[in-house]
PDB file of all heavy atoms in Angstrom:
ATOM      1  N   ASP A   1     116.506 116.856 110.589  1.00  0.00           N
ATOM      2  CA  ASP A   1     117.762 116.228 110.161  1.00  0.00           C
ATOM      3  C   ASP A   1     117.938 114.843 110.772  1.00  0.00           C
ATOM      4  O   ASP A   1     118.438 113.927 110.114  1.00  0.00           O
ATOM      5  CB  ASP A   1     118.959 117.128 110.453  1.00  0.00           C
ATOM      6  CG  ASP A   1     119.119 117.465 111.940  1.00  0.00           C
ATOM      7  OD1 ASP A   1     118.098 117.501 112.670  1.00  0.00           O
ATOM      8  OD2 ASP A   1     120.261 117.696 112.375  1.00  0.00           O
ATOM      9  N   VAL A   2     117.512 114.659 112.007  1.00  0.00           N
ATOM     10  CA  VAL A   2     117.599 113.348 112.655  1.00  0.00           C
ATOM     11  C   VAL A   2     116.644 112.373 111.971  1.00  0.00           C
ATOM     12  O   VAL A   2     117.016 111.237 111.649  1.00  0.00           O
ATOM     13  CB  VAL A   2     117.304 113.444 114.171  1.00  0.00           C
ATOM     14  CG1 VAL A   2     117.221 112.057 114.804  1.00  0.00           C
ATOM     15  CG2 VAL A   2     118.355 114.304 114.857  1.00  0.00           C
ATOM     16  N   VAL A   3     115.409 112.818 111.745  1.00  0.00           N
ATOM     17  CA  VAL A   3     114.424 111.965 111.077  1.00  0.00           C
ATOM     18  C   VAL A   3     114.936 111.578 109.691  1.00  0.00           C
ATOM     19  O   VAL A   3     114.875 110.407 109.302  1.00  0.00           O
ATOM     20  CB  VAL A   3     113.049 112.662 110.985  1.00  0.00           C
ATOM     21  CG1 VAL A   3     112.078 111.847 110.135  1.00  0.00           C
ATOM     22  CG2 VAL A   3     112.472 112.900 112.373  1.00  0.00           C
ATOM     23  N   ALA A   4     115.460 112.539 108.951  1.00  0.00           N
ATOM     24  CA  ALA A   4     115.982 112.254 107.609  1.00  0.00           C
ATOM     25  C   ALA A   4     117.112 111.234 107.665  1.00  0.00           C
ATOM     26  O   ALA A   4     117.187 110.339 106.817  1.00  0.00           O
ATOM     27  CB  ALA A   4     116.458 113.546 106.943  1.00  0.00           C
ATOM     28  N   GLY A   5     117.984 111.348 108.657  1.00  0.00           N
ATOM     29  CA  GLY A   5     119.074 110.390 108.793  1.00  0.00           C
ATOM     30  C   GLY A   5     118.576 108.977 109.055  1.00  0.00           C
ATOM     31  O   GLY A   5     119.069 108.013 108.461  1.00  0.00           O
ATOM     32  N   VAL A   6     117.576 108.845 109.912  1.00  0.00           N
ATOM     33  CA  VAL A   6     116.996 107.532 110.202  1.00  0.00           C
ATOM     34  C   VAL A   6     116.316 106.977 108.948  1.00  0.00           C
ATOM     35  O   VAL A   6     116.498 105.802 108.595  1.00  0.00           O
ATOM     36  CB  VAL A   6     116.004 107.609 111.382  1.00  0.00           C
ATOM     37  CG1 VAL A   6     115.206 106.319 111.517  1.00  0.00           C
ATOM     38  CG2 VAL A   6     116.747 107.922 112.673  1.00  0.00           C
ATOM     39  N   LEU A   7     115.537 107.806 108.261  1.00  0.00           N
ATOM     40  CA  LEU A   7     114.861 107.348 107.044  1.00  0.00           C
ATOM     41  C   LEU A   7     115.864 106.898 105.989  1.00  0.00           C
ATOM     42  O   LEU A   7     115.671 105.868 105.341  1.00  0.00           O
ATOM     43  CB  LEU A   7     113.966 108.453 106.480  1.00  0.00           C
ATOM     44  CG  LEU A   7     112.739 108.805 107.322  1.00  0.00           C
ATOM     45  CD1 LEU A   7     112.046 110.035 106.756  1.00  0.00           C
ATOM     46  CD2 LEU A   7     111.787 107.632 107.408  1.00  0.00           C
ATOM     47  N   ALA A   8     116.936 107.657 105.812  1.00  0.00           N
ATOM     48  CA  ALA A   8     117.952 107.293 104.821  1.00  0.00           C
ATOM     49  C   ALA A   8     118.597 105.955 105.159  1.00  0.00           C
ATOM     50  O   ALA A   8     118.801 105.115 104.275  1.00  0.00           O
ATOM     51  CB  ALA A   8     119.021 108.385 104.736  1.00  0.00           C
ATOM     52  N   GLU A   9     118.875 105.748 106.442  1.00  0.00           N
ATOM     53  CA  GLU A   9     119.530 104.511 106.865  1.00  0.00           C
ATOM     54  C   GLU A   9     118.591 103.309 106.783  1.00  0.00           C
ATOM     55  O   GLU A   9     118.953 102.251 106.271  1.00  0.00           O
ATOM     56  CB  GLU A   9     120.040 104.659 108.294  1.00  0.00           C
ATOM     57  CG  GLU A   9     120.740 103.424 108.809  1.00  0.00           C
ATOM     58  CD  GLU A   9     121.223 103.607 110.230  1.00  0.00           C
ATOM     59  OE1 GLU A   9     121.522 104.748 110.642  1.00  0.00           O
ATOM     60  OE2 GLU A   9     121.301 102.591 110.941  1.00  0.00           O
ATOM     61  N   VAL A  10     117.375 103.474 107.255  1.00  0.00           N
ATOM     62  CA  VAL A  10     116.446 102.349 107.365  1.00  0.00           C
ATOM     63  C   VAL A  10     115.756 102.019 106.038  1.00  0.00           C
ATOM     64  O   VAL A  10     115.569 100.854 105.704  1.00  0.00           O
ATOM     65  CB  VAL A  10     115.393 102.637 108.464  1.00  0.00           C
ATOM     66  CG1 VAL A  10     114.304 101.597 108.484  1.00  0.00           C
ATOM     67  CG2 VAL A  10     116.069 102.739 109.820  1.00  0.00           C
ATOM     68  N   LEU A  11     115.391 103.055 105.279  1.00  0.00           N
ATOM     69  CA  LEU A  11     114.606 102.825 104.057  1.00  0.00           C
ATOM     70  C   LEU A  11     115.457 102.759 102.797  1.00  0.00           C
ATOM     71  O   LEU A  11     115.041 102.177 101.801  1.00  0.00           O
ATOM     72  CB  LEU A  11     113.523 103.891 103.908  1.00  0.00           C
ATOM     73  CG  LEU A  11     112.517 103.974 105.058  1.00  0.00           C
ATOM     74  CD1 LEU A  11     111.439 104.999 104.739  1.00  0.00           C
ATOM     75  CD2 LEU A  11     111.918 102.619 105.357  1.00  0.00           C
ATOM     76  N   ASP A  12     116.602 103.420 102.793  1.00  0.00           N
ATOM     77  CA  ASP A  12     117.524 103.358 101.660  1.00  0.00           C
ATOM     78  C   ASP A  12     116.849 103.669 100.325  1.00  0.00           C
ATOM     79  O   ASP A  12     117.056 102.989  99.325  1.00  0.00           O
ATOM     80  CB  ASP A  12     118.203 101.990 101.608  1.00  0.00           C
ATOM     81  CG  ASP A  12     119.392 101.971 100.657  1.00  0.00           C
ATOM     82  OD1 ASP A  12     120.062 103.011 100.530  1.00  0.00           O
ATOM     83  OD2 ASP A  12     119.629 100.928 100.012  1.00  0.00           O
ATOM     84  N   GLY A  13     115.999 104.690 100.341  1.00  0.00           N
ATOM     85  CA  GLY A  13     115.322 105.112  99.122  1.00  0.00           C
ATOM     86  C   GLY A  13     114.735 106.496  99.327  1.00  0.00           C
ATOM     87  O   GLY A  13     114.767 107.037 100.435  1.00  0.00           O
ATOM     88  N   PRO A  14     114.178 107.096  98.284  1.00  0.00           N
ATOM     89  CA  PRO A  14     113.686 108.467  98.363  1.00  0.00           C
ATOM     90  C   PRO A  14     112.424 108.612  99.208  1.00  0.00           C
ATOM     91  O   PRO A  14     111.532 107.770  99.166  1.00  0.00           O
ATOM     92  CB  PRO A  14     113.417 108.841  96.909  1.00  0.00           C
ATOM     93  CG  PRO A  14     113.311 107.547  96.179  1.00  0.00           C
ATOM     94  CD  PRO A  14     114.069 106.532  96.940  1.00  0.00           C
ATOM     95  N   VAL A  15     112.411 109.711  99.988  1.00  0.00           N
ATOM     96  CA  VAL A  15     111.275 110.030 100.846  1.00  0.00           C
ATOM     97  C   VAL A  15     110.989 111.525 100.734  1.00  0.00           C
ATOM     98  O   VAL A  15     111.897 112.344 100.874  1.00  0.00           O
ATOM     99  CB  VAL A  15     111.559 109.678 102.321  1.00  0.00           C
ATOM    100  CG1 VAL A  15     110.359 110.035 103.203  1.00  0.00           C
ATOM    101  CG2 VAL A  15     111.929 108.208 102.475  1.00  0.00           C
ATOM    102  N   VAL A  16     109.732 111.856 100.482  1.00  0.00           N
ATOM    103  CA  VAL A  16     109.282 113.243 100.412  1.00  0.00           C
ATOM    104  C   VAL A  16     108.606 113.597 101.730  1.00  0.00           C
ATOM    105  O   VAL A  16     107.846 112.787 102.279  1.00  0.00           O
ATOM    106  CB  VAL A  16     108.275 113.439  99.251  1.00  0.00           C
ATOM    107  CG1 VAL A  16     107.692 114.847  99.258  1.00  0.00           C
ATOM    108  CG2 VAL A  16     108.932 113.130  97.917  1.00  0.00           C
ATOM    109  N   CYS A  17     108.886 114.799 102.242  1.00  0.00           N
ATOM    110  CA  CYS A  17     108.204 115.288 103.439  1.00  0.00           C
ATOM    111  C   CYS A  17     107.240 116.395 103.048  1.00  0.00           C
ATOM    112  O   CYS A  17     107.630 117.347 102.365  1.00  0.00           O
ATOM    113  CB  CYS A  17     109.208 115.830 104.457  1.00  0.00           C
ATOM    114  SG  CYS A  17     108.409 116.459 105.952  1.00  0.00           S
ATOM    115  N   HIS A  18     105.993 116.240 103.453  1.00  0.00           N
ATOM    116  CA  HIS A  18     105.005 117.306 103.365  1.00  0.00           C
ATOM    117  C   HIS A  18     104.859 117.799 104.805  1.00  0.00           C
ATOM    118  O   HIS A  18     104.140 117.170 105.603  1.00  0.00           O
ATOM    119  CB  HIS A  18     103.679 116.801 102.807  1.00  0.00           C
ATOM    120  CG  HIS A  18     103.718 116.554 101.338  1.00  0.00           C
ATOM    121  ND1 HIS A  18     102.658 116.835 100.512  1.00  0.00           N
ATOM    122  CD2 HIS A  18     104.688 116.068 100.522  1.00  0.00           C
ATOM    123  CE1 HIS A  18     102.962 116.526  99.270  1.00  0.00           C
ATOM    124  NE2 HIS A  18     104.194 116.054  99.252  1.00  0.00           N
ATOM    125  N   PRO A  19     105.577 118.882 105.175  1.00  0.00           N
ATOM    126  CA  PRO A  19     105.681 119.316 106.572  1.00  0.00           C
ATOM    127  C   PRO A  19     104.324 119.439 107.264  1.00  0.00           C
ATOM    128  O   PRO A  19     103.347 119.888 106.686  1.00  0.00           O
ATOM    129  CB  PRO A  19     106.363 120.681 106.464  1.00  0.00           C
ATOM    130  CG  PRO A  19     107.116 120.619 105.185  1.00  0.00           C
ATOM    131  CD  PRO A  19     106.257 119.789 104.263  1.00  0.00           C
ATOM    132  N   GLY A  20     104.327 119.011 108.517  1.00  0.00           N
ATOM    133  CA  GLY A  20     103.135 119.120 109.338  1.00  0.00           C
ATOM    134  C   GLY A  20     102.101 118.050 109.094  1.00  0.00           C
ATOM    135  O   GLY A  20     101.062 118.033 109.748  1.00  0.00           O
ATOM    136  N   ALA A  21     102.361 117.121 108.161  1.00  0.00           N
ATOM    137  CA  ALA A  21     101.325 116.137 107.852  1.00  0.00           C
ATOM    138  C   ALA A  21     101.877 114.745 107.591  1.00  0.00           C
ATOM    139  O   ALA A  21     101.579 113.811 108.326  1.00  0.00           O
ATOM    140  CB  ALA A  21     100.499 116.607 106.654  1.00  0.00           C
ATOM    141  N   TRP A  22     102.650 114.587 106.515  1.00  0.00           N
ATOM    142  CA  TRP A  22     103.010 113.252 106.037  1.00  0.00           C
ATOM    143  C   TRP A  22     104.446 113.173 105.538  1.00  0.00           C
ATOM    144  O   TRP A  22     105.013 114.167 105.102  1.00  0.00           O
ATOM    145  CB  TRP A  22     102.125 112.843 104.846  1.00  0.00           C
ATOM    146  CG  TRP A  22     100.683 113.035 105.064  1.00  0.00           C
ATOM    147  CD1 TRP A  22      99.912 114.062 104.579  1.00  0.00           C
ATOM    148  CD2 TRP A  22      99.793 112.208 105.801  1.00  0.00           C
ATOM    149  NE1 TRP A  22      98.621 113.907 104.975  1.00  0.00           N
ATOM    150  CE2 TRP A  22      98.508 112.771 105.724  1.00  0.00           C
ATOM    151  CE3 TRP A  22      99.959 111.025 106.509  1.00  0.00           C
ATOM    152  CZ2 TRP A  22      97.400 112.203 106.340  1.00  0.00           C
ATOM    153  CZ3 TRP A  22      98.865 110.466 107.120  1.00  0.00           C
ATOM    154  CH2 TRP A  22      97.595 111.054 107.034  1.00  0.00           C
ATOM    155  N   TYR A  23     104.933 111.955 105.551  1.00  0.00           N
ATOM    156  CA  TYR A  23     106.113 111.585 104.782  1.00  0.00           C
ATOM    157  C   TYR A  23     105.625 110.596 103.738  1.00  0.00           C
ATOM    158  O   TYR A  23     104.698 109.819 103.997  1.00  0.00           O
ATOM    159  CB  TYR A  23     107.170 110.892 105.659  1.00  0.00           C
ATOM    160  CG  TYR A  23     107.983 111.836 106.504  1.00  0.00           C
ATOM    161  CD1 TYR A  23     107.572 112.185 107.782  1.00  0.00           C
ATOM    162  CD2 TYR A  23     109.179 112.369 106.024  1.00  0.00           C
ATOM    163  CE1 TYR A  23     108.327 113.044 108.560  1.00  0.00           C
ATOM    164  CE2 TYR A  23     109.933 113.224 106.802  1.00  0.00           C
ATOM    165  CZ  TYR A  23     109.502 113.559 108.068  1.00  0.00           C
ATOM    166  OH  TYR A  23     110.259 114.412 108.833  1.00  0.00           O
ATOM    167  N   TYR A  24     106.224 110.612 102.568  1.00  0.00           N
ATOM    168  CA  TYR A  24     105.884 109.667 101.501  1.00  0.00           C
ATOM    169  C   TYR A  24     107.135 108.907 101.094  1.00  0.00           C
ATOM    170  O   TYR A  24     108.089 109.507 100.606  1.00  0.00           O
ATOM    171  CB  TYR A  24     105.333 110.399 100.274  1.00  0.00           C
ATOM    172  CG  TYR A  24     103.971 110.993 100.485  1.00  0.00           C
ATOM    173  CD1 TYR A  24     103.813 112.277 100.988  1.00  0.00           C
ATOM    174  CD2 TYR A  24     102.830 110.258 100.161  1.00  0.00           C
ATOM    175  CE1 TYR A  24     102.560 112.822 101.175  1.00  0.00           C
ATOM    176  CE2 TYR A  24     101.570 110.803 100.340  1.00  0.00           C
ATOM    177  CZ  TYR A  24     101.450 112.083 100.849  1.00  0.00           C
ATOM    178  OH  TYR A  24     100.186 112.617 101.035  1.00  0.00           O
ATOM    179  N   ALA A  25     107.125 107.610 101.304  1.00  0.00           N
ATOM    180  CA  ALA A  25     108.218 106.750 100.860  1.00  0.00           C
ATOM    181  C   ALA A  25     107.881 106.257  99.460  1.00  0.00           C
ATOM    182  O   ALA A  25     106.793 105.726  99.229  1.00  0.00           O
ATOM    183  CB  ALA A  25     108.387 105.569 101.808  1.00  0.00           C
ATOM    184  N   LEU A  26     108.790 106.448  98.521  1.00  0.00           N
ATOM    185  CA  LEU A  26     108.577 105.953  97.168  1.00  0.00           C
ATOM    186  C   LEU A  26     108.988 104.488  97.128  1.00  0.00           C
ATOM    187  O   LEU A  26     110.111 104.138  97.489  1.00  0.00           O
ATOM    188  CB  LEU A  26     109.371 106.779  96.158  1.00  0.00           C
ATOM    189  CG  LEU A  26     109.065 108.285  96.153  1.00  0.00           C
ATOM    190  CD1 LEU A  26     109.776 108.968  94.995  1.00  0.00           C
ATOM    191  CD2 LEU A  26     107.583 108.567  96.119  1.00  0.00           C
ATOM    192  N   VAL A  27     108.056 103.657  96.716  1.00  0.00           N
ATOM    193  CA  VAL A  27     108.229 102.192  96.717  1.00  0.00           C
ATOM    194  C   VAL A  27     107.928 101.663  95.318  1.00  0.00           C
ATOM    195  O   VAL A  27     107.356 102.369  94.489  1.00  0.00           O
ATOM    196  CB  VAL A  27     107.310 101.529  97.767  1.00  0.00           C
ATOM    197  CG1 VAL A  27     107.699 101.949  99.184  1.00  0.00           C
ATOM    198  CG2 VAL A  27     105.852 101.857  97.501  1.00  0.00           C
ATOM    199  N   PRO A  28     108.279 100.424  95.038  1.00  0.00           N
ATOM    200  CA  PRO A  28     108.026  99.883  93.696  1.00  0.00           C
ATOM    201  C   PRO A  28     106.537  99.904  93.327  1.00  0.00           C
ATOM    202  O   PRO A  28     105.662  99.717  94.183  1.00  0.00           O
ATOM    203  CB  PRO A  28     108.530  98.432  93.801  1.00  0.00           C
ATOM    204  CG  PRO A  28     109.551  98.468  94.887  1.00  0.00           C
ATOM    205  CD  PRO A  28     109.035  99.477  95.872  1.00  0.00           C
ATOM    206  N   ALA A  29     106.283 100.128  92.050  1.00  0.00           N
ATOM    207  CA  ALA A  29     104.914 100.090  91.540  1.00  0.00           C
ATOM    208  C   ALA A  29     104.305  98.729  91.844  1.00  0.00           C
ATOM    209  O   ALA A  29     104.982  97.709  91.802  1.00  0.00           O
ATOM    210  CB  ALA A  29     104.907 100.354  90.031  1.00  0.00           C
ATOM    211  N   GLY A  30     103.032  98.732  92.188  1.00  0.00           N
ATOM    212  CA  GLY A  30     102.342  97.494  92.528  1.00  0.00           C
ATOM    213  C   GLY A  30     102.291  97.226  94.018  1.00  0.00           C
ATOM    214  O   GLY A  30     101.584  96.330  94.469  1.00  0.00           O
ATOM    215  N   THR A  31     103.029  98.013  94.811  1.00  0.00           N
ATOM    216  CA  THR A  31     103.018  97.828  96.261  1.00  0.00           C
ATOM    217  C   THR A  31     101.612  97.980  96.822  1.00  0.00           C
ATOM    218  O   THR A  31     101.222  97.267  97.748  1.00  0.00           O
ATOM    219  CB  THR A  31     103.985  98.811  96.946  1.00  0.00           C
ATOM    220  OG1 THR A  31     105.316  98.542  96.500  1.00  0.00           O
ATOM    221  CG2 THR A  31     103.934  98.705  98.459  1.00  0.00           C
ATOM    222  N   CYS A  32     100.822  98.873  96.239  1.00  0.00           N
ATOM    223  CA  CYS A  32      99.466  99.091  96.755  1.00  0.00           C
ATOM    224  C   CYS A  32      98.618  97.823  96.680  1.00  0.00           C
ATOM    225  O   CYS A  32      97.686  97.647  97.463  1.00  0.00           O
ATOM    226  CB  CYS A  32      98.785 100.240  96.033  1.00  0.00           C
ATOM    227  SG  CYS A  32      98.499  99.955  94.290  1.00  0.00           S
ATOM    228  N   GLU A  33      98.942  96.928  95.781  1.00  0.00           N
ATOM    229  CA  GLU A  33      98.158  95.706  95.622  1.00  0.00           C
ATOM    230  C   GLU A  33      98.456  94.669  96.703  1.00  0.00           C
ATOM    231  O   GLU A  33      97.633  93.789  96.954  1.00  0.00           O
ATOM    232  CB  GLU A  33      98.415  95.118  94.244  1.00  0.00           C
ATOM    233  CG  GLU A  33      97.940  96.047  93.128  1.00  0.00           C
ATOM    234  CD  GLU A  33      98.517  95.710  91.770  1.00  0.00           C
ATOM    235  OE1 GLU A  33      99.095  94.621  91.605  1.00  0.00           O
ATOM    236  OE2 GLU A  33      98.391  96.571  90.878  1.00  0.00           O
ATOM    237  N   THR A  34      99.608  94.773  97.348  1.00  0.00           N
ATOM    238  CA  THR A  34      99.984  93.780  98.360  1.00  0.00           C
ATOM    239  C   THR A  34     100.169  94.383  99.753  1.00  0.00           C
ATOM    240  O   THR A  34     100.464  93.652 100.687  1.00  0.00           O
ATOM    241  CB  THR A  34     101.295  93.071  97.951  1.00  0.00           C
ATOM    242  OG1 THR A  34     102.330  94.055  97.812  1.00  0.00           O
ATOM    243  CG2 THR A  34     101.128  92.316  96.644  1.00  0.00           C
ATOM    244  N   TRP A  35      99.984  95.672  99.889  1.00  0.00           N
ATOM    245  CA  TRP A  35     100.233  96.362 101.163  1.00  0.00           C
ATOM    246  C   TRP A  35      99.263  95.881 102.230  1.00  0.00           C
ATOM    247  O   TRP A  35      98.058  95.816 102.011  1.00  0.00           O
ATOM    248  CB  TRP A  35     100.082  97.868 100.965  1.00  0.00           C
ATOM    249  CG  TRP A  35     100.443  98.659 102.180  1.00  0.00           C
ATOM    250  CD1 TRP A  35      99.587  99.246 103.057  1.00  0.00           C
ATOM    251  CD2 TRP A  35     101.755  98.965 102.647  1.00  0.00           C
ATOM    252  NE1 TRP A  35     100.279  99.896 104.042  1.00  0.00           N
ATOM    253  CE2 TRP A  35     101.612  99.730 103.813  1.00  0.00           C
ATOM    254  CE3 TRP A  35     103.034  98.645 102.199  1.00  0.00           C
ATOM    255  CZ2 TRP A  35     102.706 100.201 104.542  1.00  0.00           C
ATOM    256  CZ3 TRP A  35     104.125  99.115 102.908  1.00  0.00           C
ATOM    257  CH2 TRP A  35     103.954  99.889 104.064  1.00  0.00           C
ATOM    258  N   ARG A  36      99.784  95.551 103.416  1.00  0.00           N
ATOM    259  CA  ARG A  36      98.942  95.034 104.492  1.00  0.00           C
ATOM    260  C   ARG A  36      99.107  95.791 105.814  1.00  0.00           C
ATOM    261  O   ARG A  36      98.446  95.454 106.776  1.00  0.00           O
ATOM    262  CB  ARG A  36      99.238  93.547 104.741  1.00  0.00           C
ATOM    263  CG  ARG A  36      98.977  92.650 103.550  1.00  0.00           C
ATOM    264  CD  ARG A  36      97.489  92.522 103.271  1.00  0.00           C
ATOM    265  NE  ARG A  36      97.240  91.704 102.108  1.00  0.00           N
ATOM    266  CZ  ARG A  36      96.864  92.167 100.923  1.00  0.00           C
ATOM    267  NH1 ARG A  36      96.691  93.444 100.741  1.00  0.00           N
ATOM    268  NH2 ARG A  36      96.657  91.357  99.915  1.00  0.00           N
ATOM    269  N   ALA A  37      99.977  96.777 105.882  1.00  0.00           N
ATOM    270  CA  ALA A  37     100.202  97.507 107.131  1.00  0.00           C
ATOM    271  C   ALA A  37      99.100  98.555 107.318  1.00  0.00           C
ATOM    272  O   ALA A  37      98.905  99.413 106.464  1.00  0.00           O
ATOM    273  CB  ALA A  37     101.579  98.173 107.117  1.00  0.00           C
ATOM    274  N   ALA A  38      98.392  98.462 108.433  1.00  0.00           N
ATOM    275  CA  ALA A  38      97.266  99.355 108.692  1.00  0.00           C
ATOM    276  C   ALA A  38      97.692 100.788 109.018  1.00  0.00           C
ATOM    277  O   ALA A  38      96.872 101.697 108.959  1.00  0.00           O
ATOM    278  CB  ALA A  38      96.430  98.798 109.845  1.00  0.00           C
ATOM    279  N   GLU A  39      98.964 100.992 109.358  1.00  0.00           N
ATOM    280  CA  GLU A  39      99.418 102.313 109.786  1.00  0.00           C
ATOM    281  C   GLU A  39      99.516 103.327 108.655  1.00  0.00           C
ATOM    282  O   GLU A  39      99.681 104.515 108.910  1.00  0.00           O
ATOM    283  CB  GLU A  39     100.789 102.215 110.461  1.00  0.00           C
ATOM    284  CG  GLU A  39     100.776 101.515 111.783  1.00  0.00           C
ATOM    285  CD  GLU A  39     100.891  99.999 111.652  1.00  0.00           C
ATOM    286  OE1 GLU A  39     101.136  99.494 110.542  1.00  0.00           O
ATOM    287  OE2 GLU A  39     100.720  99.324 112.661  1.00  0.00           O
ATOM    288  N   ALA A  40      99.458 102.885 107.419  1.00  0.00           N
ATOM    289  CA  ALA A  40      99.615 103.804 106.296  1.00  0.00           C
ATOM    290  C   ALA A  40      98.866 103.277 105.083  1.00  0.00           C
ATOM    291  O   ALA A  40      98.516 102.105 105.019  1.00  0.00           O
ATOM    292  CB  ALA A  40     101.100 103.964 105.950  1.00  0.00           C
ATOM    293  N   VAL A  41      98.646 104.170 104.140  1.00  0.00           N
ATOM    294  CA  VAL A  41      98.018 103.786 102.880  1.00  0.00           C
ATOM    295  C   VAL A  41      99.015 104.010 101.747  1.00  0.00           C
ATOM    296  O   VAL A  41      99.939 104.794 101.872  1.00  0.00           O
ATOM    297  CB  VAL A  41      96.722 104.579 102.601  1.00  0.00           C
ATOM    298  CG1 VAL A  41      95.670 104.289 103.661  1.00  0.00           C
ATOM    299  CG2 VAL A  41      96.998 106.064 102.531  1.00  0.00           C
ATOM    300  N   VAL A  42      98.791 103.303 100.656  1.00  0.00           N
ATOM    301  CA  VAL A  42      99.667 103.418  99.499  1.00  0.00           C
ATOM    302  C   VAL A  42      98.893 104.040  98.358  1.00  0.00           C
ATOM    303  O   VAL A  42      97.764 103.641  98.068  1.00  0.00           O
ATOM    304  CB  VAL A  42     100.210 102.035  99.066  1.00  0.00           C
ATOM    305  CG1 VAL A  42     101.130 102.169  97.867  1.00  0.00           C
ATOM    306  CG2 VAL A  42     100.943 101.372 100.217  1.00  0.00           C
TER     307      VAL A  42
END
């Protein structure tokens, strides 16, 4: 619930949790073409 609250406040968009592994932030189409952050893949 704390993580969800932070995600809602900071990202202001839908996020799916796959428990024990990943969170997925839904971002505009085409983000994968310009993504530069090494911490995650699109």
